[in-house]
């Protein structure tokens, strides 16, 4: 594999930090913006922030989705299994999706929180 400077990985992570400010909790893994924000969403939080980019162990670079400690609105009832980060002003920009650390039943009208989560890119070498 070729060598890639950390700056190249950081640019991709910075794109996520600058744009993926909406986080949805979902009933299954979405593959599109519409699936994340409409089809499978059980709730969302806008204005999410990140810390990074930084070194990732054992290799590569990462950014960390900061913990959501308040303000996550549950809009559906079901089992939340994934979270997805997307751009709030786009109908096409789904940036990241992954499983929750632990699935949880949620009920419409309640609120949700999430622990901080790393988003990493391994080194090319």
C-alpha atoms as a PDB file:
ATOM      1  CA  UNK A   1       0.000   0.000   0.000  1.00  0.00           C
ATOM      2  CA  UNK A   2       1.249   3.512  -0.665  1.00  0.00           C
ATOM      3  CA  UNK A   3       2.240   5.986   2.019  1.00  0.00           C
ATOM      4  CA  UNK A   4      -0.352   8.697   2.671  1.00  0.00           C
ATOM      5  CA  UNK A   5       0.364  11.799   4.695  1.00  0.00           C
ATOM      6  CA  UNK A   6      -1.853  12.310   7.761  1.00  0.00           C
ATOM      7  CA  UNK A   7      -3.023  15.580   6.222  1.00  0.00           C
ATOM      8  CA  UNK A   8      -4.945  13.642   3.546  1.00  0.00           C
ATOM      9  CA  UNK A   9      -6.762  11.567   6.167  1.00  0.00           C
ATOM     10  CA  UNK A  10      -7.423  14.687   8.234  1.00  0.00           C
ATOM     11  CA  UNK A  11      -9.073  16.393   5.265  1.00  0.00           C
ATOM     12  CA  UNK A  12     -11.652  13.613   5.048  1.00  0.00           C
ATOM     13  CA  UNK A  13     -12.235  13.709   8.807  1.00  0.00           C
ATOM     14  CA  UNK A  14     -12.496  17.504   8.746  1.00  0.00           C
ATOM     15  CA  UNK A  15     -15.186  17.203   6.060  1.00  0.00           C
ATOM     16  CA  UNK A  16     -17.208  15.077   8.488  1.00  0.00           C
ATOM     17  CA  UNK A  17     -16.608  17.518  11.356  1.00  0.00           C
ATOM     18  CA  UNK A  18     -17.635  20.530   9.287  1.00  0.00           C
ATOM     19  CA  UNK A  19     -20.713  19.020   7.688  1.00  0.00           C
ATOM     20  CA  UNK A  20     -22.163  16.028   9.570  1.00  0.00           C
ATOM     21  CA  UNK A  21     -23.907  18.019  12.293  1.00  0.00           C
ATOM     22  CA  UNK A  22     -27.120  15.942  12.404  1.00  0.00           C
ATOM     23  CA  UNK A  23     -27.117  12.582  14.179  1.00  0.00           C
ATOM     24  CA  UNK A  24     -30.051  10.171  13.871  1.00  0.00           C
ATOM     25  CA  UNK A  25     -30.640   7.048  15.911  1.00  0.00           C
ATOM     26  CA  UNK A  26     -31.990   4.392  13.560  1.00  0.00           C
ATOM     27  CA  UNK A  27     -33.817   1.059  13.684  1.00  0.00           C
ATOM     28  CA  UNK A  28     -31.349  -0.465  11.208  1.00  0.00           C
ATOM     29  CA  UNK A  29     -28.256   0.568   9.292  1.00  0.00           C
ATOM     30  CA  UNK A  30     -29.150   3.191   6.690  1.00  0.00           C
ATOM     31  CA  UNK A  31     -27.326   3.353   3.371  1.00  0.00           C
ATOM     32  CA  UNK A  32     -28.702   6.702   2.176  1.00  0.00           C
ATOM     33  CA  UNK A  33     -29.560  10.115   3.577  1.00  0.00           C
ATOM     34  CA  UNK A  34     -33.288   9.401   3.159  1.00  0.00           C
ATOM     35  CA  UNK A  35     -32.996   6.085   4.992  1.00  0.00           C
ATOM     36  CA  UNK A  36     -31.083   7.742   7.846  1.00  0.00           C
ATOM     37  CA  UNK A  37     -33.300  10.786   8.263  1.00  0.00           C
ATOM     38  CA  UNK A  38     -36.708   9.397   7.298  1.00  0.00           C
ATOM     39  CA  UNK A  39     -37.100   5.670   6.674  1.00  0.00           C
ATOM     40  CA  UNK A  40     -35.233   4.262   9.703  1.00  0.00           C
ATOM     41  CA  UNK A  41     -34.890   7.271  12.015  1.00  0.00           C
ATOM     42  CA  UNK A  42     -36.214   6.991  15.550  1.00  0.00           C
ATOM     43  CA  UNK A  43     -34.906  10.395  16.598  1.00  0.00           C
ATOM     44  CA  UNK A  44     -32.292  13.031  15.899  1.00  0.00           C
ATOM     45  CA  UNK A  45     -30.113  15.769  17.284  1.00  0.00           C
ATOM     46  CA  UNK A  46     -28.741  18.695  15.280  1.00  0.00           C
ATOM     47  CA  UNK A  47     -25.762  20.886  16.073  1.00  0.00           C
ATOM     48  CA  UNK A  48     -23.520  17.936  16.940  1.00  0.00           C
ATOM     49  CA  UNK A  49     -19.804  18.607  17.373  1.00  0.00           C
ATOM     50  CA  UNK A  50     -16.550  16.691  17.040  1.00  0.00           C
ATOM     51  CA  UNK A  51     -13.079  16.662  18.561  1.00  0.00           C
ATOM     52  CA  UNK A  52     -10.100  15.985  16.315  1.00  0.00           C
ATOM     53  CA  UNK A  53      -8.605  15.019  13.996  1.00  0.00           C
ATOM     54  CA  UNK A  54      -6.087  13.135  16.109  1.00  0.00           C
ATOM     55  CA  UNK A  55      -3.925  10.014  16.099  1.00  0.00           C
ATOM     56  CA  UNK A  56      -5.833   6.721  16.130  1.00  0.00           C
ATOM     57  CA  UNK A  57      -4.531   3.628  17.866  1.00  0.00           C
ATOM     58  CA  UNK A  58      -3.092   1.364  16.576  1.00  0.00           C
ATOM     59  CA  UNK A  59      -2.722   3.407  13.369  1.00  0.00           C
ATOM     60  CA  UNK A  60      -4.355   6.059  11.275  1.00  0.00           C
ATOM     61  CA  UNK A  61      -6.346   9.127  12.198  1.00  0.00           C
ATOM     62  CA  UNK A  62      -9.687   9.731  13.905  1.00  0.00           C
ATOM     63  CA  UNK A  63     -12.222  12.314  14.883  1.00  0.00           C
ATOM     64  CA  UNK A  64     -14.559  11.851  17.817  1.00  0.00           C
ATOM     65  CA  UNK A  65     -18.271  12.574  17.725  1.00  0.00           C
ATOM     66  CA  UNK A  66     -18.719  14.377  21.032  1.00  0.00           C
ATOM     67  CA  UNK A  67     -21.170  12.842  23.494  1.00  0.00           C
ATOM     68  CA  UNK A  68     -24.791  13.885  23.107  1.00  0.00           C
ATOM     69  CA  UNK A  69     -25.768  14.598  26.702  1.00  0.00           C
ATOM     70  CA  UNK A  70     -29.075  16.387  26.065  1.00  0.00           C
ATOM     71  CA  UNK A  71     -31.457  17.457  23.363  1.00  0.00           C
ATOM     72  CA  UNK A  72     -31.698  14.261  21.331  1.00  0.00           C
ATOM     73  CA  UNK A  73     -35.396  14.083  20.423  1.00  0.00           C
ATOM     74  CA  UNK A  74     -36.994  10.656  19.999  1.00  0.00           C
ATOM     75  CA  UNK A  75     -39.542  10.877  17.187  1.00  0.00           C
ATOM     76  CA  UNK A  76     -40.463   7.192  16.779  1.00  0.00           C
ATOM     77  CA  UNK A  77     -40.937   4.085  18.883  1.00  0.00           C
ATOM     78  CA  UNK A  78     -38.761   1.011  18.361  1.00  0.00           C
ATOM     79  CA  UNK A  79     -35.354  -0.562  18.879  1.00  0.00           C
ATOM     80  CA  UNK A  80     -32.485   1.816  18.045  1.00  0.00           C
ATOM     81  CA  UNK A  81     -29.521  -0.202  16.741  1.00  0.00           C
ATOM     82  CA  UNK A  82     -27.461   2.318  14.721  1.00  0.00           C
ATOM     83  CA  UNK A  83     -26.566   5.969  14.524  1.00  0.00           C
ATOM     84  CA  UNK A  84     -25.958   7.998  11.400  1.00  0.00           C
ATOM     85  CA  UNK A  85     -24.333  11.401  10.879  1.00  0.00           C
ATOM     86  CA  UNK A  86     -25.424  13.582   7.989  1.00  0.00           C
ATOM     87  CA  UNK A  87     -25.523  17.159   6.769  1.00  0.00           C
ATOM     88  CA  UNK A  88     -28.587  19.066   7.925  1.00  0.00           C
ATOM     89  CA  UNK A  89     -28.934  21.157   4.768  1.00  0.00           C
ATOM     90  CA  UNK A  90     -28.604  18.400   2.187  1.00  0.00           C
ATOM     91  CA  UNK A  91     -30.790  15.596   0.987  1.00  0.00           C
ATOM     92  CA  UNK A  92     -27.866  13.488  -0.179  1.00  0.00           C
ATOM     93  CA  UNK A  93     -25.080  13.782   2.386  1.00  0.00           C
ATOM     94  CA  UNK A  94     -24.948  10.741   4.656  1.00  0.00           C
ATOM     95  CA  UNK A  95     -21.383  10.724   5.983  1.00  0.00           C
ATOM     96  CA  UNK A  96     -21.121   8.007   8.634  1.00  0.00           C
ATOM     97  CA  UNK A  97     -23.217   5.188  10.027  1.00  0.00           C
ATOM     98  CA  UNK A  98     -22.378   2.514  12.575  1.00  0.00           C
ATOM     99  CA  UNK A  99     -23.889   0.356  15.279  1.00  0.00           C
ATOM    100  CA  UNK A 100     -24.705   1.758  18.680  1.00  0.00           C
ATOM    101  CA  UNK A 101     -22.528   0.531  21.537  1.00  0.00           C
ATOM    102  CA  UNK A 102     -25.716  -1.101  22.815  1.00  0.00           C
ATOM    103  CA  UNK A 103     -29.175  -1.284  21.233  1.00  0.00           C
ATOM    104  CA  UNK A 104     -31.983   0.401  23.125  1.00  0.00           C
ATOM    105  CA  UNK A 105     -35.758   0.554  22.974  1.00  0.00           C
ATOM    106  CA  UNK A 106     -36.934   4.149  22.578  1.00  0.00           C
ATOM    107  CA  UNK A 107     -40.368   5.750  22.789  1.00  0.00           C
ATOM    108  CA  UNK A 108     -41.570   8.753  20.819  1.00  0.00           C
ATOM    109  CA  UNK A 109     -41.644  11.930  22.879  1.00  0.00           C
ATOM    110  CA  UNK A 110     -38.648  11.001  25.036  1.00  0.00           C
ATOM    111  CA  UNK A 111     -35.049  12.137  24.665  1.00  0.00           C
ATOM    112  CA  UNK A 112     -31.864  10.208  23.975  1.00  0.00           C
ATOM    113  CA  UNK A 113     -28.169  10.543  24.778  1.00  0.00           C
ATOM    114  CA  UNK A 114     -25.122   8.978  23.132  1.00  0.00           C
ATOM    115  CA  UNK A 115     -21.619   8.410  24.419  1.00  0.00           C
ATOM    116  CA  UNK A 116     -18.720   9.864  22.449  1.00  0.00           C
ATOM    117  CA  UNK A 117     -17.807   7.758  19.398  1.00  0.00           C
ATOM    118  CA  UNK A 118     -14.624   7.574  17.340  1.00  0.00           C
ATOM    119  CA  UNK A 119     -14.693   7.712  13.550  1.00  0.00           C
ATOM    120  CA  UNK A 120     -11.390   6.414  12.221  1.00  0.00           C
ATOM    121  CA  UNK A 121      -9.449   5.948   9.020  1.00  0.00           C
ATOM    122  CA  UNK A 122      -6.564   3.446   9.165  1.00  0.00           C
ATOM    123  CA  UNK A 123      -3.189   4.201   7.619  1.00  0.00           C
ATOM    124  CA  UNK A 124      -2.698   3.026   4.057  1.00  0.00           C
ATOM    125  CA  UNK A 125       0.513   1.192   4.955  1.00  0.00           C
END
